[in-house]
C-alpha atoms as a PDB file:
ATOM      1  CA  MET A   1       0.000   0.000   0.000  1.00  0.00           C
ATOM      2  CA  SER A   2       1.123   3.536  -0.690  1.00  0.00           C
ATOM      3  CA  PRO A   3      -0.386   7.025  -0.439  1.00  0.00           C
ATOM      4  CA  ALA A   4      -2.477   8.151  -3.406  1.00  0.00           C
ATOM      5  CA  ALA A   5      -4.680  11.078  -4.350  1.00  0.00           C
ATOM      6  CA  HIS A   6      -8.272  10.277  -3.487  1.00  0.00           C
ATOM      7  CA  HIS A   7     -10.008  13.650  -3.601  1.00  0.00           C
ATOM      8  CA  THR A   8     -10.046  16.771  -5.653  1.00  0.00           C
ATOM      9  CA  MET A   9      -8.998  19.437  -3.192  1.00  0.00           C
ATOM     10  CA  GLY A  10     -10.502  22.886  -3.468  1.00  0.00           C
ATOM     11  CA  GLY A  11     -13.598  23.534  -5.509  1.00  0.00           C
ATOM     12  CA  LEU A  12     -16.763  25.493  -4.873  1.00  0.00           C
ATOM     13  CA  LYS A  13     -17.113  27.075  -1.456  1.00  0.00           C
ATOM     14  CA  ILE A  14     -20.339  26.131   0.310  1.00  0.00           C
ATOM     15  CA  ASN A  15     -21.918  26.946   3.650  1.00  0.00           C
ATOM     16  CA  ALA A  16     -23.461  24.503   6.145  1.00  0.00           C
ATOM     17  CA  ASP A  17     -26.717  24.651   4.134  1.00  0.00           C
ATOM     18  CA  THR A  18     -24.848  23.454   0.989  1.00  0.00           C
ATOM     19  CA  GLN A  19     -25.410  26.797  -0.763  1.00  0.00           C
ATOM     20  CA  VAL A  20     -22.594  27.735  -3.148  1.00  0.00           C
ATOM     21  CA  LEU A  21     -20.962  31.008  -2.119  1.00  0.00           C
ATOM     22  CA  ASP A  22     -19.840  33.799  -4.446  1.00  0.00           C
ATOM     23  CA  LYS A  23     -16.474  35.600  -4.187  1.00  0.00           C
ATOM     24  CA  SER A  24     -17.807  37.853  -1.429  1.00  0.00           C
ATOM     25  CA  GLY A  25     -19.069  34.877   0.601  1.00  0.00           C
ATOM     26  CA  LYS A  26     -22.766  35.395  -0.126  1.00  0.00           C
ATOM     27  CA  PRO A  27     -24.972  32.438  -1.157  1.00  0.00           C
ATOM     28  CA  ILE A  28     -25.863  32.212  -4.853  1.00  0.00           C
ATOM     29  CA  PRO A  29     -29.670  31.728  -4.978  1.00  0.00           C
ATOM     30  CA  GLY A  30     -30.671  28.272  -6.209  1.00  0.00           C
ATOM     31  CA  LEU A  31     -27.129  26.881  -6.471  1.00  0.00           C
ATOM     32  CA  TYR A  32     -26.282  23.957  -4.159  1.00  0.00           C
ATOM     33  CA  ALA A  33     -23.340  21.560  -4.190  1.00  0.00           C
ATOM     34  CA  ALA A  34     -22.032  18.446  -2.442  1.00  0.00           C
ATOM     35  CA  GLY A  35     -19.206  15.959  -2.830  1.00  0.00           C
ATOM     36  CA  GLU A  36     -15.866  16.467  -4.537  1.00  0.00           C
ATOM     37  CA  VAL A  37     -16.858  19.674  -6.335  1.00  0.00           C
ATOM     38  CA  THR A  38     -16.960  21.407  -2.954  1.00  0.00           C
ATOM     39  CA  GLY A  39     -14.199  22.889  -0.870  1.00  0.00           C
ATOM     40  CA  GLY A  40     -13.622  25.559   1.704  1.00  0.00           C
ATOM     41  CA  ILE A  41     -15.208  23.927   4.743  1.00  0.00           C
ATOM     42  CA  HIS A  42     -12.694  21.056   4.761  1.00  0.00           C
ATOM     43  CA  GLY A  43      -9.505  23.100   4.773  1.00  0.00           C
ATOM     44  CA  GLY A  44      -6.418  21.812   2.987  1.00  0.00           C
ATOM     45  CA  ASN A  45      -6.782  18.149   3.895  1.00  0.00           C
ATOM     46  CA  ARG A  46      -9.563  15.609   3.665  1.00  0.00           C
ATOM     47  CA  LEU A  47      -9.485  12.044   4.929  1.00  0.00           C
ATOM     48  CA  GLY A  48     -10.656   9.284   2.606  1.00  0.00           C
ATOM     49  CA  ALA A  49     -12.707   7.653   5.345  1.00  0.00           C
ATOM     50  CA  ASN A  50     -14.856  10.775   5.504  1.00  0.00           C
ATOM     51  CA  ALA A  51     -15.717  10.849   1.800  1.00  0.00           C
ATOM     52  CA  ILE A  52     -18.755   8.553   1.788  1.00  0.00           C
ATOM     53  CA  PRO A  53     -20.542   9.972   4.854  1.00  0.00           C
ATOM     54  CA  ASP A  54     -19.653  13.482   3.673  1.00  0.00           C
ATOM     55  CA  VAL A  55     -21.200  13.125   0.232  1.00  0.00           C
ATOM     56  CA  LEU A  56     -24.237  11.265   1.579  1.00  0.00           C
ATOM     57  CA  ASN A  57     -24.996  13.856   4.246  1.00  0.00           C
ATOM     58  CA  TYR A  58     -24.256  16.943   2.167  1.00  0.00           C
ATOM     59  CA  GLY A  59     -25.907  15.382  -0.888  1.00  0.00           C
ATOM     60  CA  ARG A  60     -29.082  14.826   1.122  1.00  0.00           C
ATOM     61  CA  LEU A  61     -28.988  18.395   2.467  1.00  0.00           C
ATOM     62  CA  ALA A  62     -28.367  19.820  -1.010  1.00  0.00           C
ATOM     63  CA  GLY A  63     -31.239  17.791  -2.482  1.00  0.00           C
ATOM     64  CA  GLN A  64     -33.648  18.909   0.231  1.00  0.00           C
ATOM     65  CA  ALA A  65     -32.642  22.552  -0.154  1.00  0.00           C
ATOM     66  CA  ALA A  66     -32.900  22.449  -3.943  1.00  0.00           C
ATOM     67  CA  ALA A  67     -36.357  20.841  -3.715  1.00  0.00           C
ATOM     68  CA  LYS A  68     -37.581  23.737  -1.546  1.00  0.00           C
ATOM     69  CA  PHE A  69     -36.060  26.480  -3.707  1.00  0.00           C
ATOM     70  CA  THR A  70     -38.452  28.701  -5.635  1.00  0.00           C
ATOM     71  CA  PRO A  71     -37.007  31.502  -7.786  1.00  0.00           C
END
């Protein structure tokens, strides 16, 4: 066994409600994200063991928020 890249680090910044944030840190209405496209809340390191629960929890939150969104 040897170390390997297992995540794309960086990506879209989101808040705890999975809303994608603009450059000034404000949520972009109707835009939600989860999984490897996200970054910011995890810092510069992410453990592989956290990947599955992370995407499942944030994916569920993002889906619920998107379902409630009305423009």
